Protein backbone atom coordinates (compact mmCIF):
# COMPACT_ATOMS: atom_id res chain seq x y z
CA MET A 1 98.48 117.93 107.76
CA SER A 2 96.96 115.32 110.00
CA LYS A 3 97.57 111.57 109.59
CA HIS A 4 94.54 109.31 110.07
CA GLU A 5 94.11 105.62 110.30
CA PHE A 6 91.04 103.83 108.85
CA PHE A 7 89.85 100.24 108.75
CA VAL A 8 88.60 99.47 105.22
CA ASP A 9 87.26 95.88 104.59
CA MET A 10 89.50 95.15 101.58
CA THR A 11 90.11 91.56 100.43
CA CYS A 12 92.07 91.89 97.24
CA GLU A 13 94.25 94.12 94.98
CA GLY A 14 91.00 95.33 93.25
CA CYS A 15 89.70 96.57 96.58
CA SER A 16 92.82 98.43 97.24
CA GLY A 17 92.74 99.84 93.69
CA ALA A 18 89.29 101.22 94.39
CA VAL A 19 90.61 102.95 97.53
CA THR A 20 93.41 104.46 95.47
CA ARG A 21 91.08 105.75 92.86
CA VAL A 22 88.62 107.44 95.22
CA LEU A 23 91.44 108.99 97.34
CA ASN A 24 93.24 110.34 94.30
CA LYS A 25 90.04 112.19 93.22
CA LEU A 26 90.19 114.24 96.39
CA GLY A 27 93.63 115.70 95.63
CA ASP A 28 96.17 116.87 98.16
CA VAL A 29 96.25 113.46 99.92
CA GLN A 30 99.18 111.05 100.71
CA PHE A 31 98.15 107.63 101.75
CA GLU A 32 99.49 104.13 102.43
CA ILE A 33 97.38 100.98 102.10
CA ASP A 34 98.13 97.96 104.29
CA LEU A 35 96.00 95.32 102.45
CA PRO A 36 96.84 92.33 104.80
CA ASN A 37 95.67 94.33 107.89
CA LYS A 38 92.82 96.10 106.02
CA LYS A 39 94.23 99.50 107.12
CA VAL A 40 94.46 102.74 105.20
CA PHE A 41 96.72 105.59 106.53
CA ILE A 42 95.86 108.96 105.17
CA GLU A 43 97.76 112.31 105.47
CA SER A 44 95.48 115.16 104.36
CA LYS A 45 94.06 118.56 105.23
CA HIS A 46 90.57 117.13 104.57
CA SER A 47 88.33 116.42 107.56
CA VAL A 48 87.72 112.91 108.89
CA GLU A 49 84.12 113.16 107.59
CA VAL A 50 85.19 113.91 104.07
CA LEU A 51 87.83 111.12 104.07
CA THR A 52 85.33 108.64 105.48
CA ASP A 53 82.69 109.59 102.91
CA GLN A 54 85.19 109.25 100.11
CA LEU A 55 86.32 105.81 101.29
CA LYS A 56 82.64 104.58 101.58
CA LYS A 57 82.34 105.34 97.84
CA THR A 58 84.32 102.02 97.29
CA GLY A 59 81.28 100.16 98.73
CA LYS A 60 83.41 98.66 101.53
CA ASP A 61 82.86 98.81 105.33
CA VAL A 62 84.84 101.76 106.56
CA GLN A 63 85.68 102.56 110.20
CA TYR A 64 87.73 105.47 111.47
CA ILE A 65 90.38 104.21 113.97
CA GLY A 66 91.94 107.42 114.94
CA GLN A 67 94.71 109.94 114.41
CA LYS A 68 98.26 108.74 114.13
């Protein structure tokens, strides 16, 4: 599985909760949310495109930083 780093414009616990909800719907993902730095680290077999699209469902600005 690949580990990817994303910037997600999260400002509060509600934002990180939204990220948690959308990622859990994908299944087969492990992730870590760094709220102070607005980063999400995702380990998954899903493509970057699928992960990006899923994160955008939160309504937040999402940018792919790169593979870790």
